[in-house]
Protein backbone atom coordinates (compact mmCIF):
# COMPACT_ATOMS: atom_id res chain seq x y z
CA SER A 1 59.97 79.19 56.06
CA PRO A 2 62.67 81.24 55.24
CA SER A 3 64.84 80.89 51.68
CA ARG A 4 67.91 82.48 50.74
CA ARG A 5 68.59 83.37 46.94
CA ARG A 6 71.26 81.52 45.26
CA GLY A 7 71.87 82.70 41.63
CA SER A 8 68.42 83.05 40.05
CA ALA A 9 66.91 79.93 42.12
CA SER A 10 65.79 80.43 45.76
CA GLU A 11 66.10 77.26 47.73
CA PRO A 12 64.87 76.66 51.43
CA LEU A 13 67.05 77.50 54.39
CA PRO A 14 67.30 73.94 56.69
CA SER A 15 65.12 74.83 59.41
CA TYR A 16 65.96 73.52 63.44
CA ASP A 17 64.31 73.38 66.45
CA PHE A 18 67.10 74.49 68.86
CA SER A 19 65.06 74.78 71.90
CA SER A 20 65.06 70.89 73.31
CA GLN A 21 68.82 71.52 73.18
CA VAL A 22 68.62 75.07 75.20
CA ASP A 23 66.00 73.56 77.77
CA SER A 24 68.40 70.41 78.37
CA VAL A 25 71.66 72.92 79.07
CA PHE A 26 69.19 74.94 81.24
CA SER A 27 68.52 71.62 83.22
CA GLU A 28 71.84 70.47 83.72
CA PHE A 29 73.03 73.99 85.26
CA CYS A 30 69.74 74.00 87.62
CA GLY A 31 71.18 70.98 89.52
CA GLY A 32 68.52 68.77 89.79
CA GLY A 33 65.95 72.05 90.23
CA ARG A 34 63.84 74.32 87.78
CA ASP A 35 65.45 77.29 87.93
CA LEU A 36 69.28 79.17 88.37
CA ASP A 37 70.04 81.88 90.87
CA GLY A 38 72.38 85.01 89.50
CA LYS A 39 75.69 82.44 90.54
CA GLY A 40 74.47 79.60 88.37
CA PHE A 41 73.43 81.88 85.49
CA ALA A 42 76.81 83.50 85.16
CA LYS A 43 78.57 79.90 85.17
CA LEU A 44 75.97 78.85 82.60
CA CYS A 45 77.74 82.06 80.42
CA LYS A 46 81.14 81.35 81.17
CA ASP A 47 80.77 77.27 80.69
CA ALA A 48 78.87 77.78 77.50
CA GLY A 49 81.59 80.38 76.10
CA LEU A 50 79.37 82.88 75.51
CA LEU A 51 81.34 85.51 77.67
CA SER A 52 83.48 88.01 75.01
CA ARG A 53 84.71 91.16 74.70
CA GLN A 54 80.81 92.14 73.81
CA PHE A 55 79.14 90.21 76.33
CA THR A 56 81.34 90.07 80.07
CA ALA A 57 80.46 88.68 83.10
CA THR A 58 79.22 92.26 84.12
CA ASP A 59 76.74 92.23 81.66
CA ALA A 60 75.44 88.56 82.34
CA ASP A 61 75.08 89.96 86.37
CA LEU A 62 73.03 92.73 84.76
CA ILE A 63 70.76 90.74 82.21
CA PHE A 64 70.32 88.43 85.37
CA THR A 65 68.68 91.83 87.25
CA LYS A 66 66.75 93.06 84.44
CA VAL A 67 65.10 89.98 83.34
CA MET A 68 63.86 89.01 87.27
CA LYS A 69 63.17 92.86 87.96
CA GLY A 70 60.29 91.88 90.43
CA LYS A 71 60.35 88.41 89.81
CA GLY A 72 62.51 87.15 92.38
CA ARG A 73 65.90 85.63 92.81
CA ARG A 74 65.49 82.64 90.46
CA MET A 75 65.28 82.41 87.26
CA ALA A 76 63.13 79.76 85.64
CA LEU A 77 62.94 78.87 81.85
CA PRO A 78 60.84 81.34 80.37
CA GLU A 79 63.17 83.49 82.18
CA PHE A 80 65.84 82.06 80.78
CA TYR A 81 64.69 82.47 76.88
CA ASP A 82 64.21 85.97 77.66
CA ALA A 83 68.14 86.53 79.00
CA LEU A 84 69.18 84.66 76.17
CA LEU A 85 67.68 87.44 73.55
CA HIS A 86 69.45 90.03 75.36
CA ILE A 87 72.46 88.11 74.83
CA ALA A 88 72.24 87.98 71.45
CA ALA A 89 70.88 91.73 71.71
CA LYS A 90 74.43 92.53 73.40
CA SER A 91 76.65 89.91 71.31
CA GLY A 92 75.65 91.45 68.31
CA ALA A 93 74.33 88.11 67.17
């Protein structure tokens, strides 16, 4: 369990499970399906407020292409989690 020092004592940080929230957002953008195309992924990034100077719409397209290389044209949930890691790295998070 992660902890953070406060003065001389260590108090554990709260643990959150964001996976159900991520799954829910992904499902909403799938429009009833179970996967996203590049256009849907770009819309999700924009609507979720992920776009910035560090992570642009072009970056979203490039990440989609990188994650989906050799896997087809539609992103399922496992690829979406992979894409989120790329977005975080690109955004400096």
